[in-house]
């Protein structure tokens, strides 16, 4: 009986979900990889489609929008939020981690402490059972740039690396900065690809017209540095044109150039993070479910989402 009660309590504690946020649809490729590598957890996806794209917006605007989304996901029971958006990771993640998370965690800890005192007959703090004491960090936010760049030094032989990304991500210079933190000997070239996201979101990425723009941007970056042997796809939309990119590289005589998509990298990084941080993993619910939320029209979101993850979904419109 005692063991049964203990197991029931442990099960009851597993009530948190993993939140996945993107300004639009691209983060669905990250979500798909997360659910492939870590299928046991419950996920909550939020797309701020009504205010997309973020790439052309200022740092302050992206930070404000991203923080609103993060707070909303916390309020919906997520203890970990993945910014599955390169623009949000580049322009907002560090500020949220350094400035906002300490305040959010302190507020949540105080609320938890007050609740623990009430449920334990208002015992003094030093008399509270250990399992009722708040963690130092109850919630956290992770991005997609850091785990992506961490794998690069072990993969490149020439130390010449290329980044294909949106104009906003390129302008932030986040990839160059983070890559050089990993290895200051790397030579990093970046290429803005402004036409790729619109083509993908409109379902035109396999058309002949799309082929022109895929070739254009790949040729431009390889012409600037023919020694590039590793290309990072710095946008979560770009895995949908991975085959076209590799085809152009073969035609250019660079078939050995490695192209890195973020999904699997981010998923395996999260798996490692959860192994190292049981204070989060132990609270994640294990229902293998996923809920989709959007700030725009739910039916329109569901139709487009199927393009990114290959299956039909049901979405719900939300405002926050």
C-alpha atoms as a PDB file:
ATOM      1  CA  UNK A   1       0.000   0.000   0.000  1.00  0.00           C
ATOM      2  CA  UNK A   2       2.792   2.424   0.911  1.00  0.00           C
ATOM      3  CA  UNK A   3       4.537   1.758  -2.411  1.00  0.00           C
ATOM      4  CA  UNK A   4       1.262   2.261  -4.286  1.00  0.00           C
ATOM      5  CA  UNK A   5       0.692   5.646  -2.609  1.00  0.00           C
ATOM      6  CA  UNK A   6       4.262   6.703  -3.363  1.00  0.00           C
ATOM      7  CA  UNK A   7       3.879   5.769  -7.026  1.00  0.00           C
ATOM      8  CA  UNK A   8       0.602   7.681  -7.167  1.00  0.00           C
ATOM      9  CA  UNK A   9       2.249  10.783  -5.715  1.00  0.00           C
ATOM     10  CA  UNK A  10       5.120  10.542  -8.173  1.00  0.00           C
ATOM     11  CA  UNK A  11       2.634  10.201 -11.031  1.00  0.00           C
ATOM     12  CA  UNK A  12       0.702  13.222  -9.813  1.00  0.00           C
ATOM     13  CA  UNK A  13       3.859  15.312  -9.895  1.00  0.00           C
ATOM     14  CA  UNK A  14       4.298  14.627 -13.620  1.00  0.00           C
ATOM     15  CA  UNK A  15       2.000  17.392 -14.784  1.00  0.00           C
ATOM     16  CA  UNK A  16       4.244  19.629 -16.902  1.00  0.00           C
ATOM     17  CA  UNK A  17       4.513  19.810 -20.676  1.00  0.00           C
ATOM     18  CA  UNK A  18       7.260  20.864 -23.054  1.00  0.00           C
ATOM     19  CA  UNK A  19       6.336  24.109 -24.774  1.00  0.00           C
ATOM     20  CA  UNK A  20       7.531  24.749 -28.331  1.00  0.00           C
ATOM     21  CA  UNK A  21       7.258  28.279 -29.687  1.00  0.00           C
ATOM     22  CA  UNK A  22       7.752  29.780 -33.113  1.00  0.00           C
ATOM     23  CA  UNK A  23       6.577  32.955 -34.772  1.00  0.00           C
ATOM     24  CA  UNK A  24       4.966  30.770 -37.427  1.00  0.00           C
ATOM     25  CA  UNK A  25       5.247  27.311 -38.935  1.00  0.00           C
ATOM     26  CA  UNK A  26       8.970  26.544 -39.124  1.00  0.00           C
ATOM     27  CA  UNK A  27       9.153  25.417 -35.511  1.00  0.00           C
ATOM     28  CA  UNK A  28       6.970  22.478 -36.493  1.00  0.00           C
ATOM     29  CA  UNK A  29      10.067  20.834 -37.997  1.00  0.00           C
ATOM     30  CA  UNK A  30      11.690  21.075 -34.559  1.00  0.00           C
ATOM     31  CA  UNK A  31       8.554  19.745 -32.886  1.00  0.00           C
ATOM     32  CA  UNK A  32       8.457  16.810 -35.309  1.00  0.00           C
ATOM     33  CA  UNK A  33      12.052  15.914 -34.445  1.00  0.00           C
ATOM     34  CA  UNK A  34      11.403  16.285 -30.710  1.00  0.00           C
ATOM     35  CA  UNK A  35       8.441  13.924 -30.909  1.00  0.00           C
ATOM     36  CA  UNK A  36      10.517  11.444 -32.907  1.00  0.00           C
ATOM     37  CA  UNK A  37      13.417  11.373 -30.447  1.00  0.00           C
ATOM     38  CA  UNK A  38      11.361  11.978 -27.267  1.00  0.00           C
ATOM     39  CA  UNK A  39       7.879  10.654 -28.084  1.00  0.00           C
ATOM     40  CA  UNK A  40       6.880   9.903 -24.497  1.00  0.00           C
ATOM     41  CA  UNK A  41       6.346  13.509 -23.378  1.00  0.00           C
ATOM     42  CA  UNK A  42       3.394  15.862 -23.778  1.00  0.00           C
ATOM     43  CA  UNK A  43       3.950  18.914 -25.977  1.00  0.00           C
ATOM     44  CA  UNK A  44       2.235  22.255 -26.461  1.00  0.00           C
ATOM     45  CA  UNK A  45       3.030  24.105 -29.699  1.00  0.00           C
ATOM     46  CA  UNK A  46       2.337  27.817 -30.039  1.00  0.00           C
ATOM     47  CA  UNK A  47       2.637  29.705 -33.312  1.00  0.00           C
ATOM     48  CA  UNK A  48       2.334  33.482 -33.219  1.00  0.00           C
ATOM     49  CA  UNK A  49       1.170  33.457 -36.825  1.00  0.00           C
ATOM     50  CA  UNK A  50      -0.875  36.631 -36.460  1.00  0.00           C
ATOM     51  CA  UNK A  51       2.324  38.644 -35.960  1.00  0.00           C
ATOM     52  CA  UNK A  52       4.678  36.658 -38.197  1.00  0.00           C
ATOM     53  CA  UNK A  53       7.224  37.053 -39.590  1.00  0.00           C
ATOM     54  CA  UNK A  54       9.555  38.150 -36.804  1.00  0.00           C
ATOM     55  CA  UNK A  55      12.641  38.405 -38.996  1.00  0.00           C
ATOM     56  CA  UNK A  56      12.052  41.985 -40.121  1.00  0.00           C
ATOM     57  CA  UNK A  57      11.139  43.280 -36.657  1.00  0.00           C
ATOM     58  CA  UNK A  58      13.426  45.088 -34.214  1.00  0.00           C
ATOM     59  CA  UNK A  59      15.219  43.383 -31.330  1.00  0.00           C
ATOM     60  CA  UNK A  60      12.908  45.082 -28.820  1.00  0.00           C
ATOM     61  CA  UNK A  61       9.793  43.987 -30.678  1.00  0.00           C
ATOM     62  CA  UNK A  62      10.931  40.363 -31.037  1.00  0.00           C
ATOM     63  CA  UNK A  63      11.912  40.299 -27.365  1.00  0.00           C
ATOM     64  CA  UNK A  64       8.510  41.631 -26.279  1.00  0.00           C
ATOM     65  CA  UNK A  65       6.546  39.229 -28.482  1.00  0.00           C
ATOM     66  CA  UNK A  66       8.675  36.262 -27.440  1.00  0.00           C
ATOM     67  CA  UNK A  67       8.404  37.040 -23.737  1.00  0.00           C
ATOM     68  CA  UNK A  68       4.611  37.251 -24.046  1.00  0.00           C
ATOM     69  CA  UNK A  69       4.560  33.811 -25.668  1.00  0.00           C
ATOM     70  CA  UNK A  70       6.904  32.325 -23.077  1.00  0.00           C
ATOM     71  CA  UNK A  71       4.794  33.626 -20.197  1.00  0.00           C
ATOM     72  CA  UNK A  72       1.680  32.241 -21.867  1.00  0.00           C
ATOM     73  CA  UNK A  73       3.236  28.769 -22.219  1.00  0.00           C
ATOM     74  CA  UNK A  74       4.346  28.830 -18.587  1.00  0.00           C
ATOM     75  CA  UNK A  75       0.764  29.673 -17.615  1.00  0.00           C
ATOM     76  CA  UNK A  76      -0.422  26.654 -19.632  1.00  0.00           C
ATOM     77  CA  UNK A  77       1.679  24.239 -17.578  1.00  0.00           C
ATOM     78  CA  UNK A  78       4.974  24.122 -19.464  1.00  0.00           C
ATOM     79  CA  UNK A  79       8.105  23.967 -17.313  1.00  0.00           C
ATOM     80  CA  UNK A  80      10.433  24.014 -20.325  1.00  0.00           C
ATOM     81  CA  UNK A  81       9.929  26.190 -23.409  1.00  0.00           C
ATOM     82  CA  UNK A  82      11.933  25.645 -26.587  1.00  0.00           C
ATOM     83  CA  UNK A  83      12.260  28.698 -28.814  1.00  0.00           C
ATOM     84  CA  UNK A  84      12.025  26.775 -32.081  1.00  0.00           C
ATOM     85  CA  UNK A  85      12.606  30.021 -33.946  1.00  0.00           C
ATOM     86  CA  UNK A  86      16.037  31.263 -34.934  1.00  0.00           C
ATOM     87  CA  UNK A  87      14.965  34.908 -34.865  1.00  0.00           C
ATOM     88  CA  UNK A  88      13.559  34.605 -31.334  1.00  0.00           C
ATOM     89  CA  UNK A  89      16.631  32.633 -30.235  1.00  0.00           C
ATOM     90  CA  UNK A  90      18.901  35.298 -31.708  1.00  0.00           C
ATOM     91  CA  UNK A  91      17.071  38.419 -30.589  1.00  0.00           C
ATOM     92  CA  UNK A  92      15.274  37.475 -27.369  1.00  0.00           C
ATOM     93  CA  UNK A  93      16.630  34.343 -25.667  1.00  0.00           C
ATOM     94  CA  UNK A  94      19.584  35.819 -23.816  1.00  0.00           C
ATOM     95  CA  UNK A  95      17.593  38.744 -22.396  1.00  0.00           C
ATOM     96  CA  UNK A  96      14.794  36.442 -21.262  1.00  0.00           C
ATOM     97  CA  UNK A  97      17.230  34.026 -19.635  1.00  0.00           C
ATOM     98  CA  UNK A  98      19.251  36.712 -17.862  1.00  0.00           C
ATOM     99  CA  UNK A  99      16.631  39.343 -17.068  1.00  0.00           C
ATOM    100  CA  UNK A 100      13.182  37.763 -16.931  1.00  0.00           C
ATOM    101  CA  UNK A 101      13.599  34.138 -15.828  1.00  0.00           C
ATOM    102  CA  UNK A 102      15.069  35.001 -12.401  1.00  0.00           C
ATOM    103  CA  UNK A 103      12.037  37.204 -11.674  1.00  0.00           C
ATOM    104  CA  UNK A 104       9.559  34.650 -13.025  1.00  0.00           C
ATOM    105  CA  UNK A 105      11.141  31.825 -11.017  1.00  0.00           C
ATOM    106  CA  UNK A 106      11.238  33.931  -7.858  1.00  0.00           C
ATOM    107  CA  UNK A 107       7.546  34.765  -8.208  1.00  0.00           C
ATOM    108  CA  UNK A 108       6.663  31.120  -8.826  1.00  0.00           C
ATOM    109  CA  UNK A 109       8.834  29.967  -5.930  1.00  0.00           C
ATOM    110  CA  UNK A 110       7.130  32.409  -3.572  1.00  0.00           C
ATOM    111  CA  UNK A 111       3.726  31.167  -4.698  1.00  0.00           C
ATOM    112  CA  UNK A 112       4.808  27.564  -4.245  1.00  0.00           C
ATOM    113  CA  UNK A 113       6.178  28.324  -0.792  1.00  0.00           C
ATOM    114  CA  UNK A 114       2.931  30.000   0.216  1.00  0.00           C
ATOM    115  CA  UNK A 115       0.946  27.012  -1.036  1.00  0.00           C
ATOM    116  CA  UNK A 116       3.274  24.600   0.767  1.00  0.00           C
ATOM    117  CA  UNK A 117       2.807  26.504   4.011  1.00  0.00           C
ATOM    118  CA  UNK A 118      -0.972  26.380   3.646  1.00  0.00           C
ATOM    119  CA  UNK A 119      -1.025  22.654   2.900  1.00  0.00           C
ATOM    120  CA  UNK A 120       1.253  21.944   5.867  1.00  0.00           C
ATOM    121  CA  UNK A 121      -0.816  23.791   8.486  1.00  0.00           C
ATOM    122  CA  UNK A 122       1.219  26.932   7.936  1.00  0.00           C
ATOM    123  CA  UNK A 123       4.403  25.489   9.404  1.00  0.00           C
ATOM    124  CA  UNK A 124       7.471  27.776   9.509  1.00  0.00           C
ATOM    125  CA  UNK A 125       9.636  27.633   6.385  1.00  0.00           C
ATOM    126  CA  UNK A 126      12.369  25.672   8.147  1.00  0.00           C
ATOM    127  CA  UNK A 127       9.825  22.988   9.083  1.00  0.00           C
ATOM    128  CA  UNK A 128       8.524  22.339   5.584  1.00  0.00           C
ATOM    129  CA  UNK A 129       9.162  18.867   4.139  1.00  0.00           C
ATOM    130  CA  UNK A 130      11.955  18.826   1.559  1.00  0.00           C
ATOM    131  CA  UNK A 131       9.630  17.804  -1.276  1.00  0.00           C
ATOM    132  CA  UNK A 132       7.608  20.977  -0.705  1.00  0.00           C
ATOM    133  CA  UNK A 133      10.518  23.368  -1.004  1.00  0.00           C
ATOM    134  CA  UNK A 134      10.752  25.252  -4.323  1.00  0.00           C
ATOM    135  CA  UNK A 135      13.498  24.555  -6.822  1.00  0.00           C
ATOM    136  CA  UNK A 136      15.904  27.353  -7.653  1.00  0.00           C
ATOM    137  CA  UNK A 137      14.650  27.224 -11.252  1.00  0.00           C
ATOM    138  CA  UNK A 138      11.089  26.068 -11.739  1.00  0.00           C
ATOM    139  CA  UNK A 139      10.890  26.955 -15.427  1.00  0.00           C
ATOM    140  CA  UNK A 140      13.433  27.501 -18.166  1.00  0.00           C
ATOM    141  CA  UNK A 141      13.719  28.619 -21.783  1.00  0.00           C
ATOM    142  CA  UNK A 142      16.083  27.046 -24.320  1.00  0.00           C
ATOM    143  CA  UNK A 143      16.920  28.042 -27.898  1.00  0.00           C
ATOM    144  CA  UNK A 144      17.985  26.354 -31.124  1.00  0.00           C
ATOM    145  CA  UNK A 145      21.169  28.221 -32.021  1.00  0.00           C
ATOM    146  CA  UNK A 146      23.465  27.037 -29.223  1.00  0.00           C
ATOM    147  CA  UNK A 147      22.881  23.279 -29.684  1.00  0.00           C
ATOM    148  CA  UNK A 148      23.255  23.670 -33.439  1.00  0.00           C
ATOM    149  CA  UNK A 149      26.653  25.354 -33.318  1.00  0.00           C
ATOM    150  CA  UNK A 150      28.012  22.989 -30.657  1.00  0.00           C
ATOM    151  CA  UNK A 151      28.221  20.113 -33.142  1.00  0.00           C
ATOM    152  CA  UNK A 152      30.023  22.055 -35.876  1.00  0.00           C
ATOM    153  CA  UNK A 153      33.694  21.922 -34.738  1.00  0.00           C
ATOM    154  CA  UNK A 154      33.634  18.125 -34.752  1.00  0.00           C
ATOM    155  CA  UNK A 155      32.159  17.992 -38.265  1.00  0.00           C
ATOM    156  CA  UNK A 156      34.106  20.551 -40.307  1.00  0.00           C
ATOM    157  CA  UNK A 157      37.528  19.593 -41.662  1.00  0.00           C
ATOM    158  CA  UNK A 158      38.364  22.844 -43.461  1.00  0.00           C
ATOM    159  CA  UNK A 159      37.034  25.042 -40.601  1.00  0.00           C
ATOM    160  CA  UNK A 160      35.134  26.997 -43.268  1.00  0.00           C
ATOM    161  CA  UNK A 161      31.443  27.130 -42.318  1.00  0.00           C
ATOM    162  CA  UNK A 162      28.434  28.644 -44.061  1.00  0.00           C
ATOM    163  CA  UNK A 163      25.120  29.772 -42.574  1.00  0.00           C
ATOM    164  CA  UNK A 164      21.953  30.006 -44.660  1.00  0.00           C
ATOM    165  CA  UNK A 165      19.334  32.010 -42.764  1.00  0.00           C
ATOM    166  CA  UNK A 166      16.704  34.730 -42.876  1.00  0.00           C
ATOM    167  CA  UNK A 167      17.828  38.363 -43.186  1.00  0.00           C
ATOM    168  CA  UNK A 168      16.935  38.969 -39.533  1.00  0.00           C
ATOM    169  CA  UNK A 169      19.044  36.092 -38.242  1.00  0.00           C
ATOM    170  CA  UNK A 170      21.975  37.079 -40.439  1.00  0.00           C
ATOM    171  CA  UNK A 171      21.716  40.704 -39.278  1.00  0.00           C
ATOM    172  CA  UNK A 172      21.822  39.589 -35.633  1.00  0.00           C
ATOM    173  CA  UNK A 173      25.194  37.892 -36.286  1.00  0.00           C
ATOM    174  CA  UNK A 174      24.244  35.356 -33.621  1.00  0.00           C
ATOM    175  CA  UNK A 175      25.502  32.350 -35.542  1.00  0.00           C
ATOM    176  CA  UNK A 176      28.910  33.866 -36.209  1.00  0.00           C
ATOM    177  CA  UNK A 177      29.268  34.903 -32.562  1.00  0.00           C
ATOM    178  CA  UNK A 178      28.228  31.511 -31.188  1.00  0.00           C
ATOM    179  CA  UNK A 179      30.315  29.546 -33.710  1.00  0.00           C
ATOM    180  CA  UNK A 180      33.437  31.498 -32.821  1.00  0.00           C
ATOM    181  CA  UNK A 181      32.789  30.796 -29.150  1.00  0.00           C
ATOM    182  CA  UNK A 182      33.015  27.120 -30.019  1.00  0.00           C
ATOM    183  CA  UNK A 183      36.196  27.505 -32.091  1.00  0.00           C
ATOM    184  CA  UNK A 184      37.750  30.904 -32.798  1.00  0.00           C
ATOM    185  CA  UNK A 185      39.620  29.429 -35.768  1.00  0.00           C
ATOM    186  CA  UNK A 186      36.425  28.958 -37.754  1.00  0.00           C
ATOM    187  CA  UNK A 187      35.835  31.090 -40.848  1.00  0.00           C
ATOM    188  CA  UNK A 188      32.131  31.855 -41.030  1.00  0.00           C
ATOM    189  CA  UNK A 189      30.212  33.135 -44.043  1.00  0.00           C
ATOM    190  CA  UNK A 190      26.499  33.947 -43.863  1.00  0.00           C
ATOM    191  CA  UNK A 191      23.918  34.192 -46.620  1.00  0.00           C
ATOM    192  CA  UNK A 192      20.500  35.806 -46.226  1.00  0.00           C
ATOM    193  CA  UNK A 193      17.801  33.905 -48.126  1.00  0.00           C
ATOM    194  CA  UNK A 194      14.759  36.208 -48.080  1.00  0.00           C
ATOM    195  CA  UNK A 195      12.702  34.290 -50.640  1.00  0.00           C
ATOM    196  CA  UNK A 196      12.838  30.812 -49.107  1.00  0.00           C
ATOM    197  CA  UNK A 197      10.340  31.224 -46.262  1.00  0.00           C
ATOM    198  CA  UNK A 198       7.578  32.810 -48.426  1.00  0.00           C
ATOM    199  CA  UNK A 199       7.996  30.091 -51.039  1.00  0.00           C
ATOM    200  CA  UNK A 200       7.783  27.332 -48.431  1.00  0.00           C
ATOM    201  CA  UNK A 201       4.796  28.769 -46.583  1.00  0.00           C
ATOM    202  CA  UNK A 202       2.911  29.188 -49.855  1.00  0.00           C
ATOM    203  CA  UNK A 203       3.635  25.605 -50.869  1.00  0.00           C
ATOM    204  CA  UNK A 204       5.759  26.697 -53.844  1.00  0.00           C
ATOM    205  CA  UNK A 205       9.102  25.355 -52.630  1.00  0.00           C
ATOM    206  CA  UNK A 206       9.144  22.445 -55.101  1.00  0.00           C
ATOM    207  CA  UNK A 207       8.321  24.612 -58.125  1.00  0.00           C
ATOM    208  CA  UNK A 208      10.754  25.565 -60.878  1.00  0.00           C
ATOM    209  CA  UNK A 209      10.640  29.151 -59.659  1.00  0.00           C
ATOM    210  CA  UNK A 210      11.727  28.053 -56.201  1.00  0.00           C
ATOM    211  CA  UNK A 211      14.578  26.107 -57.765  1.00  0.00           C
ATOM    212  CA  UNK A 212      15.974  29.362 -59.137  1.00  0.00           C
ATOM    213  CA  UNK A 213      16.143  30.961 -55.691  1.00  0.00           C
ATOM    214  CA  UNK A 214      17.570  27.851 -54.037  1.00  0.00           C
ATOM    215  CA  UNK A 215      20.372  27.799 -56.555  1.00  0.00           C
ATOM    216  CA  UNK A 216      20.913  31.561 -56.332  1.00  0.00           C
ATOM    217  CA  UNK A 217      21.609  31.684 -52.599  1.00  0.00           C
ATOM    218  CA  UNK A 218      23.641  28.473 -52.454  1.00  0.00           C
ATOM    219  CA  UNK A 219      25.807  29.604 -55.354  1.00  0.00           C
ATOM    220  CA  UNK A 220      26.337  33.023 -53.756  1.00  0.00           C
ATOM    221  CA  UNK A 221      27.658  31.686 -50.471  1.00  0.00           C
ATOM    222  CA  UNK A 222      29.815  28.998 -52.087  1.00  0.00           C
ATOM    223  CA  UNK A 223      31.264  31.561 -54.511  1.00  0.00           C
ATOM    224  CA  UNK A 224      32.363  33.727 -51.577  1.00  0.00           C
ATOM    225  CA  UNK A 225      34.108  30.782 -49.933  1.00  0.00           C
ATOM    226  CA  UNK A 226      34.578  27.596 -51.991  1.00  0.00           C
ATOM    227  CA  UNK A 227      36.272  25.945 -48.997  1.00  0.00           C
ATOM    228  CA  UNK A 228      33.019  25.705 -47.036  1.00  0.00           C
ATOM    229  CA  UNK A 229      32.467  22.075 -46.109  1.00  0.00           C
ATOM    230  CA  UNK A 230      29.614  22.550 -43.616  1.00  0.00           C
ATOM    231  CA  UNK A 231      26.419  24.514 -44.280  1.00  0.00           C
ATOM    232  CA  UNK A 232      24.058  25.273 -41.400  1.00  0.00           C
ATOM    233  CA  UNK A 233      20.390  25.746 -42.141  1.00  0.00           C
ATOM    234  CA  UNK A 234      19.727  28.645 -39.776  1.00  0.00           C
ATOM    235  CA  UNK A 235      15.967  28.658 -40.264  1.00  0.00           C
ATOM    236  CA  UNK A 236      13.535  25.966 -39.186  1.00  0.00           C
ATOM    237  CA  UNK A 237      11.674  26.222 -42.519  1.00  0.00           C
ATOM    238  CA  UNK A 238      14.677  25.176 -44.569  1.00  0.00           C
ATOM    239  CA  UNK A 239      14.585  21.392 -43.980  1.00  0.00           C
ATOM    240  CA  UNK A 240      11.690  21.354 -46.450  1.00  0.00           C
ATOM    241  CA  UNK A 241      14.139  22.299 -49.229  1.00  0.00           C
ATOM    242  CA  UNK A 242      17.070  20.229 -47.970  1.00  0.00           C
ATOM    243  CA  UNK A 243      16.988  17.921 -50.988  1.00  0.00           C
ATOM    244  CA  UNK A 244      17.116  20.887 -53.405  1.00  0.00           C
ATOM    245  CA  UNK A 245      20.066  22.395 -51.533  1.00  0.00           C
ATOM    246  CA  UNK A 246      22.060  19.162 -51.613  1.00  0.00           C
ATOM    247  CA  UNK A 247      21.190  18.728 -55.301  1.00  0.00           C
ATOM    248  CA  UNK A 248      22.611  22.164 -56.124  1.00  0.00           C
ATOM    249  CA  UNK A 249      25.777  21.358 -54.183  1.00  0.00           C
ATOM    250  CA  UNK A 250      26.246  18.138 -56.164  1.00  0.00           C
ATOM    251  CA  UNK A 251      25.789  19.995 -59.457  1.00  0.00           C
ATOM    252  CA  UNK A 252      28.355  22.561 -58.296  1.00  0.00           C
ATOM    253  CA  UNK A 253      30.908  19.836 -57.641  1.00  0.00           C
ATOM    254  CA  UNK A 254      30.636  20.036 -53.848  1.00  0.00           C
ATOM    255  CA  UNK A 255      28.833  16.776 -52.979  1.00  0.00           C
ATOM    256  CA  UNK A 256      30.851  16.306 -49.784  1.00  0.00           C
ATOM    257  CA  UNK A 257      29.643  19.596 -48.299  1.00  0.00           C
ATOM    258  CA  UNK A 258      27.590  18.644 -45.260  1.00  0.00           C
ATOM    259  CA  UNK A 259      24.214  20.350 -44.765  1.00  0.00           C
ATOM    260  CA  UNK A 260      22.967  20.499 -41.174  1.00  0.00           C
ATOM    261  CA  UNK A 261      19.271  20.779 -40.359  1.00  0.00           C
ATOM    262  CA  UNK A 262      18.420  21.701 -36.787  1.00  0.00           C
ATOM    263  CA  UNK A 263      15.615  19.335 -35.840  1.00  0.00           C
ATOM    264  CA  UNK A 264      17.519  16.188 -34.923  1.00  0.00           C
ATOM    265  CA  UNK A 265      20.354  18.201 -33.359  1.00  0.00           C
ATOM    266  CA  UNK A 266      17.977  20.142 -31.094  1.00  0.00           C
ATOM    267  CA  UNK A 267      16.047  16.992 -30.167  1.00  0.00           C
ATOM    268  CA  UNK A 268      19.150  15.091 -29.116  1.00  0.00           C
ATOM    269  CA  UNK A 269      20.412  18.122 -27.240  1.00  0.00           C
ATOM    270  CA  UNK A 270      17.144  18.293 -25.305  1.00  0.00           C
ATOM    271  CA  UNK A 271      17.354  14.580 -24.508  1.00  0.00           C
ATOM    272  CA  UNK A 272      20.822  15.166 -23.068  1.00  0.00           C
ATOM    273  CA  UNK A 273      19.593  18.236 -21.162  1.00  0.00           C
ATOM    274  CA  UNK A 274      16.802  16.244 -19.532  1.00  0.00           C
ATOM    275  CA  UNK A 275      19.240  13.523 -18.496  1.00  0.00           C
ATOM    276  CA  UNK A 276      21.392  16.170 -16.836  1.00  0.00           C
ATOM    277  CA  UNK A 277      18.465  18.050 -15.284  1.00  0.00           C
ATOM    278  CA  UNK A 278      16.106  15.592 -13.600  1.00  0.00           C
ATOM    279  CA  UNK A 279      14.515  18.509 -11.733  1.00  0.00           C
ATOM    280  CA  UNK A 280      12.724  19.230 -15.025  1.00  0.00           C
ATOM    281  CA  UNK A 281      12.396  15.739 -16.456  1.00  0.00           C
ATOM    282  CA  UNK A 282      10.807  14.337 -13.297  1.00  0.00           C
ATOM    283  CA  UNK A 283       7.850  16.714 -13.692  1.00  0.00           C
ATOM    284  CA  UNK A 284       7.149  16.125 -17.387  1.00  0.00           C
ATOM    285  CA  UNK A 285       3.929  14.248 -18.083  1.00  0.00           C
ATOM    286  CA  UNK A 286       4.165  11.106 -20.176  1.00  0.00           C
ATOM    287  CA  UNK A 287       1.045  11.096 -22.313  1.00  0.00           C
ATOM    288  CA  UNK A 288       2.727  11.279 -25.751  1.00  0.00           C
ATOM    289  CA  UNK A 289       0.256  14.006 -26.732  1.00  0.00           C
ATOM    290  CA  UNK A 290       0.548  17.287 -28.591  1.00  0.00           C
ATOM    291  CA  UNK A 291      -1.704  20.334 -28.669  1.00  0.00           C
ATOM    292  CA  UNK A 292      -1.436  23.035 -31.332  1.00  0.00           C
ATOM    293  CA  UNK A 293      -2.231  26.688 -30.639  1.00  0.00           C
ATOM    294  CA  UNK A 294      -2.073  29.679 -32.966  1.00  0.00           C
ATOM    295  CA  UNK A 295      -2.747  33.389 -32.642  1.00  0.00           C
ATOM    296  CA  UNK A 296      -4.166  33.370 -36.182  1.00  0.00           C
ATOM    297  CA  UNK A 297      -6.953  31.425 -37.858  1.00  0.00           C
ATOM    298  CA  UNK A 298      -6.948  27.843 -36.557  1.00  0.00           C
ATOM    299  CA  UNK A 299      -8.141  26.188 -39.783  1.00  0.00           C
ATOM    300  CA  UNK A 300      -5.551  28.023 -41.854  1.00  0.00           C
ATOM    301  CA  UNK A 301      -2.849  27.008 -39.384  1.00  0.00           C
ATOM    302  CA  UNK A 302      -3.903  23.357 -39.453  1.00  0.00           C
ATOM    303  CA  UNK A 303      -3.832  23.256 -43.256  1.00  0.00           C
ATOM    304  CA  UNK A 304      -0.328  24.718 -43.416  1.00  0.00           C
ATOM    305  CA  UNK A 305       0.964  22.650 -40.489  1.00  0.00           C
ATOM    306  CA  UNK A 306       0.317  19.442 -42.399  1.00  0.00           C
ATOM    307  CA  UNK A 307       2.898  20.611 -44.953  1.00  0.00           C
ATOM    308  CA  UNK A 308       5.591  20.758 -42.270  1.00  0.00           C
ATOM    309  CA  UNK A 309       4.914  17.583 -40.290  1.00  0.00           C
ATOM    310  CA  UNK A 310       3.212  15.391 -42.859  1.00  0.00           C
ATOM    311  CA  UNK A 311       0.078  14.644 -40.822  1.00  0.00           C
ATOM    312  CA  UNK A 312      -3.236  16.357 -40.221  1.00  0.00           C
ATOM    313  CA  UNK A 313      -3.563  18.374 -37.009  1.00  0.00           C
ATOM    314  CA  UNK A 314      -6.283  20.180 -35.110  1.00  0.00           C
ATOM    315  CA  UNK A 315      -5.426  23.674 -33.918  1.00  0.00           C
ATOM    316  CA  UNK A 316      -6.997  26.139 -31.502  1.00  0.00           C
ATOM    317  CA  UNK A 317      -6.995  29.918 -31.758  1.00  0.00           C
ATOM    318  CA  UNK A 318      -5.698  31.723 -28.671  1.00  0.00           C
ATOM    319  CA  UNK A 319      -5.090  35.303 -27.585  1.00  0.00           C
ATOM    320  CA  UNK A 320      -2.727  36.410 -24.830  1.00  0.00           C
END
